[in-house]
N, C-alpha and C. Protein backbone atom coordinates (compact mmCIF):
# COMPACT_ATOMS: atom_id res chain seq x y z
N UNK A 1 78.47 9.62 41.34
CA UNK A 1 79.45 8.72 41.87
C UNK A 1 79.63 9.00 43.36
N UNK A 2 79.69 7.94 44.12
CA UNK A 2 79.81 8.06 45.57
C UNK A 2 81.28 8.07 45.95
N UNK A 3 81.62 9.00 46.82
CA UNK A 3 82.98 9.08 47.31
C UNK A 3 83.00 9.75 48.66
N UNK A 4 84.07 9.55 49.38
CA UNK A 4 84.22 10.19 50.68
C UNK A 4 85.59 10.85 50.74
N UNK A 5 85.72 11.80 51.63
CA UNK A 5 87.01 12.42 51.89
C UNK A 5 87.47 11.96 53.26
N UNK A 6 88.70 11.50 53.33
CA UNK A 6 89.24 11.05 54.60
C UNK A 6 89.58 12.28 55.43
N UNK A 7 89.03 12.31 56.65
CA UNK A 7 89.24 13.45 57.53
C UNK A 7 90.62 13.37 58.18
N UNK A 8 91.06 14.48 58.74
CA UNK A 8 92.33 14.49 59.44
C UNK A 8 92.26 13.56 60.65
N UNK A 9 93.33 12.83 60.88
CA UNK A 9 93.44 11.90 62.01
C UNK A 9 92.37 10.81 61.99
N UNK A 10 91.88 10.45 60.81
CA UNK A 10 90.88 9.39 60.70
C UNK A 10 91.56 8.15 60.13
N UNK A 11 91.30 7.01 60.74
CA UNK A 11 91.92 5.78 60.25
C UNK A 11 91.26 5.34 58.95
N UNK A 12 91.99 4.57 58.19
CA UNK A 12 91.48 4.06 56.91
C UNK A 12 90.29 3.13 57.15
N UNK A 13 90.35 2.34 58.22
CA UNK A 13 89.25 1.42 58.51
C UNK A 13 87.95 2.17 58.75
N UNK A 14 88.03 3.26 59.48
CA UNK A 14 86.82 4.05 59.75
C UNK A 14 86.30 4.69 58.46
N UNK A 15 87.19 5.14 57.60
CA UNK A 15 86.78 5.73 56.33
C UNK A 15 86.11 4.69 55.44
N UNK A 16 86.66 3.47 55.45
CA UNK A 16 86.05 2.39 54.67
C UNK A 16 84.66 2.06 55.20
N UNK A 17 84.50 2.04 56.51
CA UNK A 17 83.18 1.78 57.09
C UNK A 17 82.18 2.87 56.72
N UNK A 18 82.62 4.13 56.71
CA UNK A 18 81.73 5.21 56.28
C UNK A 18 81.33 5.04 54.82
N UNK A 19 82.28 4.62 53.99
CA UNK A 19 82.00 4.39 52.59
C UNK A 19 80.98 3.26 52.41
N UNK A 20 81.15 2.17 53.16
CA UNK A 20 80.22 1.05 53.08
C UNK A 20 78.82 1.47 53.49
N UNK A 21 78.71 2.29 54.52
CA UNK A 21 77.39 2.77 54.95
C UNK A 21 76.74 3.61 53.86
N UNK A 22 77.54 4.45 53.21
CA UNK A 22 76.99 5.28 52.13
C UNK A 22 76.49 4.41 50.98
N UNK A 23 77.23 3.35 50.67
CA UNK A 23 76.82 2.44 49.59
C UNK A 23 75.51 1.76 49.93
N UNK A 24 75.39 1.25 51.16
CA UNK A 24 74.17 0.54 51.52
C UNK A 24 72.97 1.49 51.60
N UNK A 25 73.17 2.69 52.09
CA UNK A 25 72.07 3.65 52.18
C UNK A 25 71.60 4.12 50.81
N UNK A 26 72.51 4.20 49.86
CA UNK A 26 72.13 4.66 48.54
C UNK A 26 71.50 3.55 47.69
N UNK A 27 71.59 2.31 48.16
CA UNK A 27 71.02 1.13 47.49
C UNK A 27 71.65 0.88 46.12
N UNK A 28 72.83 1.39 45.88
CA UNK A 28 73.51 1.16 44.61
C UNK A 28 73.83 -0.31 44.41
N UNK A 29 74.29 -0.98 45.46
CA UNK A 29 74.68 -2.37 45.36
C UNK A 29 73.46 -3.25 45.09
N UNK A 30 72.35 -2.94 45.73
CA UNK A 30 71.11 -3.71 45.51
C UNK A 30 70.66 -3.56 44.07
N UNK A 31 70.71 -2.34 43.57
CA UNK A 31 70.31 -2.10 42.18
C UNK A 31 71.23 -2.84 41.21
N UNK A 32 72.51 -2.85 41.51
CA UNK A 32 73.47 -3.56 40.67
C UNK A 32 73.16 -5.05 40.62
N UNK A 33 72.87 -5.64 41.78
CA UNK A 33 72.57 -7.07 41.83
C UNK A 33 71.27 -7.40 41.11
N UNK A 34 70.28 -6.50 41.21
CA UNK A 34 69.01 -6.73 40.53
C UNK A 34 69.17 -6.70 39.01
N UNK A 35 70.08 -5.90 38.52
CA UNK A 35 70.29 -5.77 37.09
C UNK A 35 71.15 -6.88 36.51
N UNK A 36 71.68 -7.74 37.35
CA UNK A 36 72.52 -8.83 36.86
C UNK A 36 71.73 -9.84 36.06
N UNK A 37 70.45 -9.98 36.38
CA UNK A 37 69.62 -10.96 35.70
C UNK A 37 68.27 -10.33 35.38
N UNK A 38 67.83 -10.48 34.16
CA UNK A 38 66.55 -9.92 33.75
C UNK A 38 65.41 -10.79 34.27
N UNK A 39 64.41 -10.16 34.84
CA UNK A 39 63.22 -10.85 35.30
C UNK A 39 62.03 -10.23 34.58
N UNK A 40 61.24 -11.10 33.97
CA UNK A 40 60.09 -10.62 33.23
C UNK A 40 59.11 -9.92 34.18
N UNK A 41 58.41 -8.90 33.69
CA UNK A 41 57.46 -8.19 34.54
C UNK A 41 56.38 -9.10 35.11
N UNK A 42 55.94 -10.09 34.34
CA UNK A 42 54.92 -11.00 34.86
C UNK A 42 55.47 -11.82 36.03
N UNK A 43 56.75 -12.20 35.96
CA UNK A 43 57.35 -12.94 37.07
C UNK A 43 57.51 -12.05 38.29
N UNK A 44 57.84 -10.78 38.08
CA UNK A 44 57.95 -9.84 39.21
C UNK A 44 56.61 -9.70 39.91
N UNK A 45 55.53 -9.57 39.13
CA UNK A 45 54.20 -9.45 39.74
C UNK A 45 53.83 -10.72 40.49
N UNK A 46 54.16 -11.87 39.92
CA UNK A 46 53.86 -13.14 40.56
C UNK A 46 54.60 -13.27 41.89
N UNK A 47 55.88 -12.91 41.89
CA UNK A 47 56.67 -12.99 43.12
C UNK A 47 56.16 -11.99 44.16
N UNK A 48 55.76 -10.81 43.73
CA UNK A 48 55.22 -9.82 44.65
C UNK A 48 53.92 -10.32 45.27
N UNK A 49 53.09 -10.99 44.48
CA UNK A 49 51.84 -11.54 45.00
C UNK A 49 52.13 -12.64 46.02
N UNK A 50 53.07 -13.52 45.70
CA UNK A 50 53.43 -14.59 46.64
C UNK A 50 53.96 -14.01 47.95
N UNK A 51 54.76 -12.95 47.84
CA UNK A 51 55.30 -12.33 49.04
C UNK A 51 54.19 -11.71 49.88
N UNK A 52 53.22 -11.08 49.23
CA UNK A 52 52.13 -10.47 49.98
C UNK A 52 51.29 -11.53 50.68
N UNK A 53 51.11 -12.69 50.04
CA UNK A 53 50.36 -13.78 50.67
C UNK A 53 51.12 -14.28 51.89
N UNK A 54 52.43 -14.47 51.76
CA UNK A 54 53.24 -14.92 52.91
C UNK A 54 53.17 -13.92 54.06
N UNK A 55 53.30 -12.64 53.73
CA UNK A 55 53.25 -11.61 54.77
C UNK A 55 51.90 -11.59 55.47
N UNK A 56 50.84 -11.74 54.70
CA UNK A 56 49.50 -11.76 55.28
C UNK A 56 49.33 -12.95 56.21
N UNK A 57 49.84 -14.11 55.82
CA UNK A 57 49.76 -15.29 56.68
C UNK A 57 50.53 -15.06 57.97
N UNK A 58 51.69 -14.44 57.88
CA UNK A 58 52.48 -14.15 59.09
C UNK A 58 51.72 -13.20 60.01
N UNK A 59 51.11 -12.17 59.44
CA UNK A 59 50.36 -11.22 60.26
C UNK A 59 49.19 -11.90 60.94
N UNK A 60 48.48 -12.75 60.23
CA UNK A 60 47.33 -13.44 60.83
C UNK A 60 47.78 -14.42 61.90
N UNK A 61 48.91 -15.09 61.68
CA UNK A 61 49.42 -16.03 62.67
C UNK A 61 49.82 -15.30 63.95
N UNK A 62 50.40 -14.12 63.80
CA UNK A 62 50.84 -13.36 64.97
C UNK A 62 49.67 -12.74 65.73
N UNK A 63 48.53 -12.54 65.06
CA UNK A 63 47.37 -11.93 65.72
C UNK A 63 46.72 -12.87 66.71
N UNK A 64 46.85 -14.15 66.52
CA UNK A 64 46.19 -15.09 67.44
C UNK A 64 46.89 -15.21 68.74
């Protein structure tokens, strides 16, 4: 479980920002959102292939 300790003379806003940074760095929120909906493994592979094709096209376009 992720938690922070508020330091002496630290504002609540700054503590909240530190907490948000810890959440984003730990990727907990991303994992939570991914688990909201089940995606079949074949669909994951298909989407990964499509993404790789798009990335390759972008790289080739930038090379010219």
